Amino acid sequence: MKSKLTTAQITKIALMIAFVSVSSYIIIPLPFTPIAITGQTLVINLIAMVLTPKEALFTTCCYWMLGFVGAPVFSGGTSGPGKMLGPSGGYCVGFIIAAVLIAWLRGKKYNPIRYSLVGVFVGMPTLYGIALVWMKLMTDMTWEAAFVASVLPFIPLELVKIAGAVLLAKPIQSAFYALEATGGKVAENKL
C-alpha cells in the first residue's frame, strides 16, 4: 500500500528541516573536544515531539541527505561526506534513530511528563550512545576519552534542551493541527 505525503505533511517536514538547519549555526565550541554544543539536539527533540514517526524519519533523512550532498546544514555550516565520516558523524546517524524512537514512544496526545521521560531515557541514550561508539571507531581515543569528548559535557545542557522542546511542542503541535485542518493551505484573514 502506497502512502503519499499530504501538502500539510510536506509543509511540516520542510519547516522542520529548515529549523534544524538553522539551529546548526548556533554553536559553542569546546576546547577539549572536536564536538561543539549546538542547537541541533533541541530541534531533533522537537521534531520527534511534533511529527509522526514517519514524518520524523523523512525529516531527519532529508536533513542528512542535504548535508551529504554539500548544503551547509551541519554544525557551524559544514557539510559533506567528510564531516559525516569524521568524529561527529555519529550524531548525524543518532539524530535519525533517536527522532524516530521518540516520535514512536511519546504517545499520540501531548503529555509533558511522558515526552520528557522518553526524551531523557530513550532519546539521549540512543543519540549519545551512537555518538560515543562512532567517536571511538573514528578516532584513536580510549572509551573513557571518547565518553568525555562526545557525551559527558553535553548531558546538563541536553536536559535543558529536552525541557525546552517539551515546552515548545504544545504550541507547535497546535499550529500543525491547524495546518492539517486547512489541508495545508494558509487561512486568509478577512477584514
N, C-alpha and C. Protein backbone atom coordinates (compact mmCIF):
# COMPACT_ATOMS: atom_id res chain seq x y z
N MET A 1 0.84 -1.17 0.00
CA MET A 1 0.00 0.00 0.00
C MET A 1 0.89 1.24 0.00
N LYS A 2 0.70 2.09 -1.00
CA LYS A 2 1.47 3.32 -1.09
C LYS A 2 0.80 4.41 -0.27
N SER A 3 1.61 5.21 0.33
CA SER A 3 1.10 6.31 1.14
C SER A 3 1.80 7.58 0.70
N LYS A 4 1.04 8.52 0.16
CA LYS A 4 1.62 9.79 -0.29
C LYS A 4 1.59 10.80 0.84
N LEU A 5 2.55 11.70 0.80
CA LEU A 5 2.57 12.77 1.77
C LEU A 5 1.58 13.85 1.35
N THR A 6 0.85 14.38 2.32
CA THR A 6 -0.10 15.45 2.03
C THR A 6 0.65 16.78 1.97
N THR A 7 -0.01 17.80 1.50
CA THR A 7 0.58 19.13 1.46
C THR A 7 0.94 19.59 2.86
N ALA A 8 0.07 19.31 3.82
CA ALA A 8 0.35 19.70 5.21
C ALA A 8 1.59 18.98 5.74
N GLN A 9 1.73 17.69 5.44
CA GLN A 9 2.90 16.95 5.90
C GLN A 9 4.18 17.49 5.26
N ILE A 10 4.13 17.77 3.98
CA ILE A 10 5.31 18.32 3.29
C ILE A 10 5.69 19.67 3.88
N THR A 11 4.69 20.48 4.19
CA THR A 11 4.95 21.78 4.80
C THR A 11 5.60 21.62 6.17
N LYS A 12 5.07 20.73 7.00
CA LYS A 12 5.65 20.49 8.33
C LYS A 12 7.08 20.00 8.21
N ILE A 13 7.31 19.05 7.32
CA ILE A 13 8.65 18.49 7.13
C ILE A 13 9.62 19.56 6.66
N ALA A 14 9.21 20.36 5.70
CA ALA A 14 10.08 21.43 5.18
C ALA A 14 10.42 22.44 6.27
N LEU A 15 9.42 22.81 7.07
CA LEU A 15 9.67 23.76 8.17
C LEU A 15 10.66 23.20 9.18
N MET A 16 10.51 21.92 9.51
CA MET A 16 11.40 21.33 10.50
C MET A 16 12.81 21.11 9.94
N ILE A 17 12.92 20.81 8.65
CA ILE A 17 14.26 20.71 8.04
C ILE A 17 14.95 22.08 8.10
N ALA A 18 14.19 23.13 7.77
CA ALA A 18 14.76 24.48 7.83
C ALA A 18 15.17 24.82 9.27
N PHE A 19 14.33 24.46 10.21
CA PHE A 19 14.59 24.77 11.62
C PHE A 19 15.86 24.06 12.11
N VAL A 20 16.02 22.78 11.81
CA VAL A 20 17.22 22.06 12.26
C VAL A 20 18.46 22.57 11.53
N SER A 21 18.30 22.96 10.27
CA SER A 21 19.44 23.51 9.51
C SER A 21 19.92 24.82 10.12
N VAL A 22 18.99 25.69 10.46
CA VAL A 22 19.35 26.98 11.07
C VAL A 22 19.95 26.76 12.46
N SER A 23 19.41 25.79 13.20
CA SER A 23 19.91 25.54 14.55
C SER A 23 21.36 25.06 14.56
N SER A 24 21.83 24.54 13.43
CA SER A 24 23.21 24.06 13.37
C SER A 24 24.23 25.21 13.40
N TYR A 25 23.74 26.43 13.17
CA TYR A 25 24.63 27.59 13.21
C TYR A 25 24.78 28.15 14.63
N ILE A 26 23.97 27.66 15.56
CA ILE A 26 24.10 28.05 16.96
C ILE A 26 25.11 27.10 17.59
N ILE A 27 26.35 27.57 17.73
CA ILE A 27 27.40 26.68 18.23
C ILE A 27 28.20 27.34 19.35
N ILE A 28 28.62 26.49 20.27
CA ILE A 28 29.54 26.90 21.33
C ILE A 28 30.68 25.88 21.29
N PRO A 29 31.84 26.27 20.73
CA PRO A 29 32.96 25.33 20.67
C PRO A 29 33.50 25.01 22.07
N LEU A 30 33.95 23.79 22.22
CA LEU A 30 34.57 23.36 23.47
C LEU A 30 36.04 23.05 23.18
N PRO A 31 36.97 23.53 24.03
CA PRO A 31 38.39 23.38 23.73
C PRO A 31 38.92 21.96 23.84
N PHE A 32 38.25 21.08 24.54
CA PHE A 32 38.77 19.74 24.80
C PHE A 32 38.13 18.65 23.94
N THR A 33 37.32 19.03 22.97
CA THR A 33 36.66 18.05 22.12
C THR A 33 36.42 18.63 20.73
N PRO A 34 36.42 17.79 19.69
CA PRO A 34 36.11 18.30 18.35
C PRO A 34 34.61 18.56 18.17
N ILE A 35 33.80 18.23 19.17
CA ILE A 35 32.36 18.40 19.10
C ILE A 35 31.98 19.69 19.80
N ALA A 36 31.11 20.47 19.16
CA ALA A 36 30.63 21.72 19.76
C ALA A 36 29.21 21.53 20.27
N ILE A 37 28.83 22.36 21.21
CA ILE A 37 27.44 22.41 21.63
C ILE A 37 26.68 23.14 20.53
N THR A 38 25.57 22.57 20.09
CA THR A 38 24.76 23.21 19.03
C THR A 38 23.29 23.23 19.44
N GLY A 39 22.51 23.93 18.64
CA GLY A 39 21.06 23.96 18.84
C GLY A 39 20.36 22.77 18.19
N GLN A 40 21.12 21.93 17.49
CA GLN A 40 20.51 20.84 16.73
C GLN A 40 19.74 19.85 17.60
N THR A 41 20.28 19.47 18.76
CA THR A 41 19.59 18.45 19.55
C THR A 41 18.26 18.96 20.09
N LEU A 42 18.17 20.25 20.36
CA LEU A 42 16.88 20.81 20.77
C LEU A 42 15.86 20.58 19.66
N VAL A 43 16.25 20.88 18.43
CA VAL A 43 15.32 20.75 17.30
C VAL A 43 15.05 19.29 16.97
N ILE A 44 16.02 18.43 17.09
CA ILE A 44 15.78 17.00 16.85
C ILE A 44 14.74 16.48 17.84
N ASN A 45 14.86 16.88 19.11
CA ASN A 45 13.84 16.52 20.09
C ASN A 45 12.49 17.10 19.71
N LEU A 46 12.47 18.33 19.26
CA LEU A 46 11.22 18.97 18.85
C LEU A 46 10.59 18.25 17.66
N ILE A 47 11.41 17.89 16.69
CA ILE A 47 10.92 17.12 15.53
C ILE A 47 10.23 15.85 16.03
N ALA A 48 10.87 15.16 16.95
CA ALA A 48 10.33 13.91 17.47
C ALA A 48 9.06 14.11 18.27
N MET A 49 8.90 15.28 18.85
CA MET A 49 7.74 15.54 19.70
C MET A 49 6.54 16.12 18.96
N VAL A 50 6.76 16.59 17.72
CA VAL A 50 5.62 17.19 16.99
C VAL A 50 5.26 16.45 15.70
N LEU A 51 6.12 15.58 15.24
CA LEU A 51 5.85 14.85 14.00
C LEU A 51 5.57 13.38 14.29
N THR A 52 4.95 12.72 13.34
CA THR A 52 4.75 11.28 13.45
C THR A 52 6.10 10.59 13.24
N PRO A 53 6.22 9.32 13.61
CA PRO A 53 7.49 8.62 13.35
C PRO A 53 7.90 8.66 11.87
N LYS A 54 6.94 8.48 10.98
CA LYS A 54 7.23 8.51 9.54
C LYS A 54 7.73 9.90 9.12
N GLU A 55 7.06 10.94 9.60
CA GLU A 55 7.47 12.31 9.27
C GLU A 55 8.83 12.63 9.88
N ALA A 56 9.07 12.16 11.11
CA ALA A 56 10.37 12.38 11.76
C ALA A 56 11.49 11.69 10.98
N LEU A 57 11.22 10.47 10.52
CA LEU A 57 12.21 9.74 9.71
C LEU A 57 12.49 10.49 8.41
N PHE A 58 11.45 10.90 7.74
CA PHE A 58 11.61 11.60 6.47
C PHE A 58 12.36 12.93 6.67
N THR A 59 12.01 13.65 7.73
CA THR A 59 12.65 14.94 8.02
C THR A 59 14.14 14.78 8.29
N THR A 60 14.49 13.85 9.17
CA THR A 60 15.90 13.69 9.53
C THR A 60 16.71 13.09 8.38
N CYS A 61 16.11 12.22 7.58
CA CYS A 61 16.82 11.67 6.42
C CYS A 61 17.05 12.74 5.36
N CYS A 62 16.05 13.61 5.14
CA CYS A 62 16.22 14.71 4.17
C CYS A 62 17.31 15.67 4.65
N TYR A 63 17.31 15.96 5.94
CA TYR A 63 18.36 16.81 6.51
C TYR A 63 19.74 16.18 6.31
N TRP A 64 19.83 14.88 6.59
CA TRP A 64 21.08 14.13 6.42
C TRP A 64 21.54 14.19 4.96
N MET A 65 20.61 13.98 4.03
CA MET A 65 20.96 13.99 2.60
C MET A 65 21.39 15.38 2.14
N LEU A 66 20.74 16.42 2.65
CA LEU A 66 21.15 17.79 2.30
C LEU A 66 22.60 18.02 2.69
N GLY A 67 22.96 17.62 3.89
CA GLY A 67 24.34 17.78 4.34
C GLY A 67 25.31 16.92 3.56
N PHE A 68 24.89 15.72 3.22
CA PHE A 68 25.75 14.80 2.48
C PHE A 68 26.11 15.35 1.10
N VAL A 69 25.14 15.99 0.42
CA VAL A 69 25.40 16.50 -0.93
C VAL A 69 26.05 17.88 -0.94
N GLY A 70 26.26 18.47 0.25
CA GLY A 70 27.02 19.71 0.29
C GLY A 70 26.30 20.94 0.80
N ALA A 71 25.03 20.85 1.12
CA ALA A 71 24.35 22.00 1.70
C ALA A 71 24.94 22.24 3.09
N PRO A 72 25.23 23.49 3.45
CA PRO A 72 25.90 23.77 4.74
C PRO A 72 24.93 23.71 5.91
N VAL A 73 24.47 22.50 6.25
CA VAL A 73 23.43 22.34 7.28
C VAL A 73 23.92 21.67 8.56
N PHE A 74 25.17 21.22 8.59
CA PHE A 74 25.69 20.60 9.80
C PHE A 74 26.32 21.65 10.69
N SER A 75 26.76 21.27 11.87
CA SER A 75 27.23 22.23 12.87
C SER A 75 28.21 23.24 12.29
N GLY A 76 27.88 24.50 12.51
CA GLY A 76 28.72 25.59 12.05
C GLY A 76 28.72 25.80 10.55
N GLY A 77 27.74 25.25 9.85
CA GLY A 77 27.64 25.44 8.41
C GLY A 77 28.53 24.51 7.61
N THR A 78 28.87 23.37 8.17
CA THR A 78 29.69 22.39 7.46
C THR A 78 28.79 21.41 6.71
N SER A 79 29.42 20.60 5.86
CA SER A 79 28.65 19.60 5.11
C SER A 79 29.60 18.59 4.49
N GLY A 80 29.01 17.64 3.79
CA GLY A 80 29.77 16.69 3.00
C GLY A 80 30.06 15.38 3.69
N PRO A 81 30.45 14.38 2.89
CA PRO A 81 30.76 13.05 3.43
C PRO A 81 31.90 13.08 4.44
N GLY A 82 32.87 13.97 4.26
CA GLY A 82 33.99 14.05 5.20
C GLY A 82 33.53 14.39 6.60
N LYS A 83 32.58 15.30 6.70
CA LYS A 83 32.03 15.68 8.01
C LYS A 83 31.27 14.50 8.61
N MET A 84 30.53 13.79 7.76
CA MET A 84 29.71 12.69 8.25
C MET A 84 30.54 11.49 8.68
N LEU A 85 31.73 11.34 8.11
CA LEU A 85 32.59 10.23 8.48
C LEU A 85 33.62 10.62 9.52
N GLY A 86 33.58 11.89 9.96
CA GLY A 86 34.51 12.36 10.97
C GLY A 86 34.02 12.03 12.37
N PRO A 87 34.69 12.57 13.38
CA PRO A 87 34.36 12.26 14.77
C PRO A 87 32.92 12.57 15.17
N SER A 88 32.31 13.58 14.54
CA SER A 88 30.94 13.96 14.92
C SER A 88 29.87 13.29 14.06
N GLY A 89 30.25 12.41 13.15
CA GLY A 89 29.29 11.76 12.26
C GLY A 89 28.26 10.91 12.96
N GLY A 90 28.60 10.39 14.13
CA GLY A 90 27.65 9.58 14.89
C GLY A 90 26.42 10.34 15.32
N TYR A 91 26.58 11.64 15.50
CA TYR A 91 25.41 12.45 15.86
C TYR A 91 24.41 12.47 14.71
N CYS A 92 24.91 12.57 13.47
CA CYS A 92 24.01 12.59 12.31
C CYS A 92 23.18 11.31 12.24
N VAL A 93 23.81 10.18 12.47
CA VAL A 93 23.11 8.90 12.47
C VAL A 93 22.18 8.83 13.69
N GLY A 94 22.67 9.27 14.83
CA GLY A 94 21.88 9.25 16.05
C GLY A 94 20.64 10.13 15.97
N PHE A 95 20.74 11.26 15.25
CA PHE A 95 19.57 12.14 15.09
C PHE A 95 18.40 11.37 14.48
N ILE A 96 18.69 10.60 13.45
CA ILE A 96 17.63 9.87 12.74
C ILE A 96 16.99 8.84 13.66
N ILE A 97 17.80 8.01 14.28
CA ILE A 97 17.28 6.92 15.11
C ILE A 97 16.57 7.46 16.35
N ALA A 98 17.17 8.43 17.02
CA ALA A 98 16.56 8.99 18.23
C ALA A 98 15.24 9.68 17.91
N ALA A 99 15.18 10.43 16.81
CA ALA A 99 13.94 11.14 16.46
C ALA A 99 12.80 10.16 16.21
N VAL A 100 13.08 9.09 15.50
CA VAL A 100 12.04 8.10 15.20
C VAL A 100 11.59 7.39 16.48
N LEU A 101 12.53 7.00 17.32
CA LEU A 101 12.18 6.31 18.57
C LEU A 101 11.35 7.21 19.49
N ILE A 102 11.76 8.46 19.65
CA ILE A 102 10.99 9.37 20.50
C ILE A 102 9.59 9.57 19.93
N ALA A 103 9.49 9.82 18.62
CA ALA A 103 8.18 10.03 17.99
C ALA A 103 7.28 8.81 18.16
N TRP A 104 7.86 7.65 18.11
CA TRP A 104 7.10 6.40 18.22
C TRP A 104 6.64 6.15 19.65
N LEU A 105 7.49 6.46 20.63
CA LEU A 105 7.19 6.13 22.03
C LEU A 105 6.50 7.24 22.82
N ARG A 106 6.44 8.44 22.31
CA ARG A 106 5.90 9.57 23.07
C ARG A 106 4.40 9.53 23.26
N GLY A 107 3.69 8.76 22.45
CA GLY A 107 2.24 8.72 22.53
C GLY A 107 1.61 9.71 21.56
N LYS A 108 0.31 9.61 21.41
CA LYS A 108 -0.38 10.46 20.43
C LYS A 108 -0.86 11.78 21.01
N LYS A 109 -1.10 11.82 22.33
CA LYS A 109 -1.56 13.05 22.96
C LYS A 109 -0.40 13.72 23.70
N TYR A 110 -0.42 15.05 23.68
CA TYR A 110 0.62 15.80 24.36
C TYR A 110 0.59 15.49 25.86
N ASN A 111 1.73 15.05 26.36
CA ASN A 111 1.88 14.76 27.78
C ASN A 111 3.31 15.16 28.16
N PRO A 112 3.49 16.31 28.81
CA PRO A 112 4.84 16.79 29.07
C PRO A 112 5.71 15.84 29.89
N ILE A 113 5.10 15.10 30.81
CA ILE A 113 5.89 14.16 31.61
C ILE A 113 6.37 13.01 30.73
N ARG A 114 5.47 12.45 29.95
CA ARG A 114 5.86 11.33 29.07
C ARG A 114 6.89 11.80 28.04
N TYR A 115 6.66 12.96 27.43
CA TYR A 115 7.61 13.49 26.45
C TYR A 115 8.99 13.64 27.08
N SER A 116 9.03 14.19 28.30
CA SER A 116 10.32 14.39 28.99
C SER A 116 11.01 13.06 29.28
N LEU A 117 10.25 12.11 29.79
CA LEU A 117 10.82 10.80 30.12
C LEU A 117 11.35 10.09 28.88
N VAL A 118 10.59 10.13 27.80
CA VAL A 118 11.04 9.49 26.56
C VAL A 118 12.29 10.19 26.03
N GLY A 119 12.30 11.54 26.08
CA GLY A 119 13.47 12.29 25.63
C GLY A 119 14.72 11.95 26.43
N VAL A 120 14.57 11.89 27.77
CA VAL A 120 15.72 11.66 28.64
C VAL A 120 16.16 10.20 28.63
N PHE A 121 15.21 9.27 28.70
CA PHE A 121 15.58 7.86 28.88
C PHE A 121 15.63 7.03 27.60
N VAL A 122 15.17 7.60 26.48
CA VAL A 122 15.26 6.90 25.19
C VAL A 122 16.10 7.73 24.21
N GLY A 123 15.71 8.99 24.03
CA GLY A 123 16.40 9.84 23.05
C GLY A 123 17.86 10.09 23.37
N MET A 124 18.13 10.54 24.60
CA MET A 124 19.52 10.83 24.98
C MET A 124 20.42 9.61 24.91
N PRO A 125 20.04 8.48 25.52
CA PRO A 125 20.93 7.31 25.43
C PRO A 125 21.15 6.83 23.99
N THR A 126 20.11 6.91 23.18
CA THR A 126 20.25 6.49 21.78
C THR A 126 21.22 7.40 21.05
N LEU A 127 20.97 8.69 21.10
CA LEU A 127 21.80 9.65 20.38
C LEU A 127 23.25 9.61 20.87
N TYR A 128 23.43 9.70 22.17
CA TYR A 128 24.80 9.77 22.70
C TYR A 128 25.49 8.42 22.70
N GLY A 129 24.74 7.34 22.75
CA GLY A 129 25.34 6.01 22.62
C GLY A 129 25.94 5.82 21.24
N ILE A 130 25.20 6.20 20.21
CA ILE A 130 25.70 6.11 18.84
C ILE A 130 26.89 7.05 18.65
N ALA A 131 26.77 8.27 19.18
CA ALA A 131 27.88 9.23 19.06
C ALA A 131 29.14 8.72 19.74
N LEU A 132 28.99 8.08 20.90
CA LEU A 132 30.14 7.54 21.63
C LEU A 132 30.83 6.43 20.84
N VAL A 133 30.05 5.47 20.36
CA VAL A 133 30.63 4.36 19.58
C VAL A 133 31.30 4.91 18.32
N TRP A 134 30.64 5.84 17.66
CA TRP A 134 31.20 6.44 16.44
C TRP A 134 32.53 7.14 16.74
N MET A 135 32.54 7.94 17.80
CA MET A 135 33.76 8.67 18.18
C MET A 135 34.90 7.68 18.44
N LYS A 136 34.62 6.61 19.14
CA LYS A 136 35.63 5.60 19.44
C LYS A 136 36.16 4.96 18.16
N LEU A 137 35.25 4.62 17.23
CA LEU A 137 35.66 3.96 16.00
C LEU A 137 36.41 4.88 15.04
N MET A 138 36.08 6.16 15.05
CA MET A 138 36.68 7.10 14.10
C MET A 138 37.95 7.78 14.61
N THR A 139 38.25 7.59 15.88
CA THR A 139 39.46 8.20 16.45
C THR A 139 40.27 7.11 17.16
N ASP A 140 41.38 7.50 17.66
CA ASP A 140 42.23 6.57 18.42
C ASP A 140 41.99 6.70 19.91
N MET A 141 40.89 7.30 20.31
CA MET A 141 40.62 7.55 21.73
C MET A 141 40.28 6.26 22.46
N THR A 142 40.54 6.29 23.76
CA THR A 142 40.06 5.21 24.62
C THR A 142 38.55 5.42 24.81
N TRP A 143 37.87 4.42 25.37
CA TRP A 143 36.44 4.57 25.64
C TRP A 143 36.20 5.74 26.60
N GLU A 144 37.06 5.89 27.61
CA GLU A 144 36.90 6.96 28.59
C GLU A 144 37.06 8.33 27.92
N ALA A 145 38.09 8.46 27.08
CA ALA A 145 38.32 9.73 26.39
C ALA A 145 37.19 10.03 25.41
N ALA A 146 36.70 9.02 24.72
CA ALA A 146 35.58 9.22 23.79
C ALA A 146 34.32 9.64 24.55
N PHE A 147 34.11 9.08 25.73
CA PHE A 147 32.95 9.45 26.56
C PHE A 147 33.06 10.91 26.99
N VAL A 148 34.24 11.32 27.41
CA VAL A 148 34.45 12.71 27.83
C VAL A 148 34.30 13.66 26.65
N ALA A 149 34.72 13.25 25.48
CA ALA A 149 34.67 14.12 24.31
C ALA A 149 33.28 14.18 23.66
N SER A 150 32.51 13.09 23.73
CA SER A 150 31.26 13.06 22.96
C SER A 150 29.98 12.99 23.77
N VAL A 151 30.09 12.76 25.08
CA VAL A 151 28.86 12.59 25.88
C VAL A 151 28.85 13.49 27.11
N LEU A 152 29.81 13.33 27.99
CA LEU A 152 29.79 13.94 29.31
C LEU A 152 29.51 15.45 29.32
N PRO A 153 30.21 16.26 28.52
CA PRO A 153 29.97 17.71 28.64
C PRO A 153 28.59 18.16 28.12
N PHE A 154 27.90 17.29 27.44
CA PHE A 154 26.64 17.67 26.81
C PHE A 154 25.40 17.31 27.64
N ILE A 155 25.56 16.47 28.65
CA ILE A 155 24.41 15.97 29.41
C ILE A 155 23.63 17.09 30.11
N PRO A 156 24.25 17.99 30.87
CA PRO A 156 23.44 19.00 31.58
C PRO A 156 22.62 19.88 30.62
N LEU A 157 23.25 20.36 29.57
CA LEU A 157 22.53 21.23 28.63
C LEU A 157 21.49 20.44 27.84
N GLU A 158 21.75 19.17 27.60
CA GLU A 158 20.78 18.33 26.88
C GLU A 158 19.48 18.22 27.67
N LEU A 159 19.58 18.13 28.98
CA LEU A 159 18.37 18.09 29.81
C LEU A 159 17.56 19.38 29.66
N VAL A 160 18.25 20.50 29.59
CA VAL A 160 17.58 21.79 29.38
C VAL A 160 16.94 21.84 27.99
N LYS A 161 17.64 21.33 26.99
CA LYS A 161 17.11 21.32 25.63
C LYS A 161 15.86 20.45 25.52
N ILE A 162 15.86 19.33 26.20
CA ILE A 162 14.68 18.46 26.19
C ILE A 162 13.50 19.19 26.83
N ALA A 163 13.74 19.86 27.95
CA ALA A 163 12.67 20.63 28.61
C ALA A 163 12.16 21.72 27.67
N GLY A 164 13.07 22.39 26.97
CA GLY A 164 12.66 23.41 26.02
C GLY A 164 11.83 22.84 24.88
N ALA A 165 12.24 21.69 24.37
CA ALA A 165 11.49 21.04 23.30
C ALA A 165 10.09 20.64 23.77
N VAL A 166 10.00 20.14 25.00
CA VAL A 166 8.70 19.76 25.55
C VAL A 166 7.79 20.98 25.64
N LEU A 167 8.32 22.11 26.09
CA LEU A 167 7.51 23.33 26.20
C LEU A 167 7.10 23.88 24.83
N LEU A 168 7.98 23.80 23.86
CA LEU A 168 7.67 24.30 22.51
C LEU A 168 6.75 23.36 21.73
N ALA A 169 6.73 22.09 22.11
CA ALA A 169 5.97 21.10 21.35
C ALA A 169 4.48 21.41 21.32
N LYS A 170 3.91 21.81 22.43
CA LYS A 170 2.46 22.04 22.50
C LYS A 170 2.00 23.13 21.52
N PRO A 171 2.58 24.35 21.54
CA PRO A 171 2.11 25.36 20.58
C PRO A 171 2.40 25.00 19.12
N ILE A 172 3.52 24.32 18.88
CA ILE A 172 3.83 23.93 17.51
C ILE A 172 2.88 22.83 17.04
N GLN A 173 2.56 21.88 17.91
CA GLN A 173 1.57 20.86 17.56
C GLN A 173 0.23 21.52 17.23
N SER A 174 -0.17 22.49 18.02
CA SER A 174 -1.44 23.19 17.77
C SER A 174 -1.43 23.87 16.40
N ALA A 175 -0.30 24.51 16.07
CA ALA A 175 -0.18 25.16 14.76
C ALA A 175 -0.22 24.13 13.64
N PHE A 176 0.44 23.00 13.85
CA PHE A 176 0.43 21.95 12.82
C PHE A 176 -0.95 21.32 12.67
N TYR A 177 -1.68 21.16 13.78
CA TYR A 177 -3.05 20.64 13.68
C TYR A 177 -3.92 21.60 12.87
N ALA A 178 -3.75 22.90 13.09
CA ALA A 178 -4.50 23.90 12.33
C ALA A 178 -4.13 23.83 10.85
N LEU A 179 -2.85 23.62 10.57
CA LEU A 179 -2.39 23.49 9.19
C LEU A 179 -3.04 22.28 8.52
N GLU A 180 -3.08 21.16 9.25
CA GLU A 180 -3.69 19.95 8.70
C GLU A 180 -5.19 20.13 8.49
N ALA A 181 -5.85 20.88 9.38
CA ALA A 181 -7.29 21.09 9.27
C ALA A 181 -7.64 21.89 8.02
N THR A 182 -6.71 22.73 7.57
CA THR A 182 -6.95 23.53 6.37
C THR A 182 -6.45 22.82 5.11
N GLY A 183 -5.96 21.61 5.26
CA GLY A 183 -5.44 20.87 4.12
C GLY A 183 -4.10 21.39 3.63
N GLY A 184 -3.38 22.09 4.49
CA GLY A 184 -2.06 22.61 4.13
C GLY A 184 -2.10 24.01 3.58
N LYS A 185 -3.31 24.58 3.49
CA LYS A 185 -3.43 25.96 2.97
C LYS A 185 -3.46 26.92 4.13
N VAL A 186 -2.83 28.06 3.95
CA VAL A 186 -2.82 29.08 4.97
C VAL A 186 -4.16 29.79 4.96
N ALA A 187 -4.76 29.91 6.14
CA ALA A 187 -6.06 30.56 6.24
C ALA A 187 -5.91 32.06 5.97
N GLU A 188 -6.91 32.63 5.28
CA GLU A 188 -6.89 34.05 4.98
C GLU A 188 -7.65 34.81 6.05
N ASN A 189 -7.10 35.94 6.44
CA ASN A 189 -7.80 36.83 7.37
C ASN A 189 -8.60 37.83 6.56
N LYS A 190 -9.88 37.88 6.80
CA LYS A 190 -10.72 38.84 6.09
C LYS A 190 -11.12 39.93 7.05
N LEU A 191 -11.00 41.15 6.60
CA LEU A 191 -11.39 42.30 7.43
C LEU A 191 -12.79 42.70 7.12
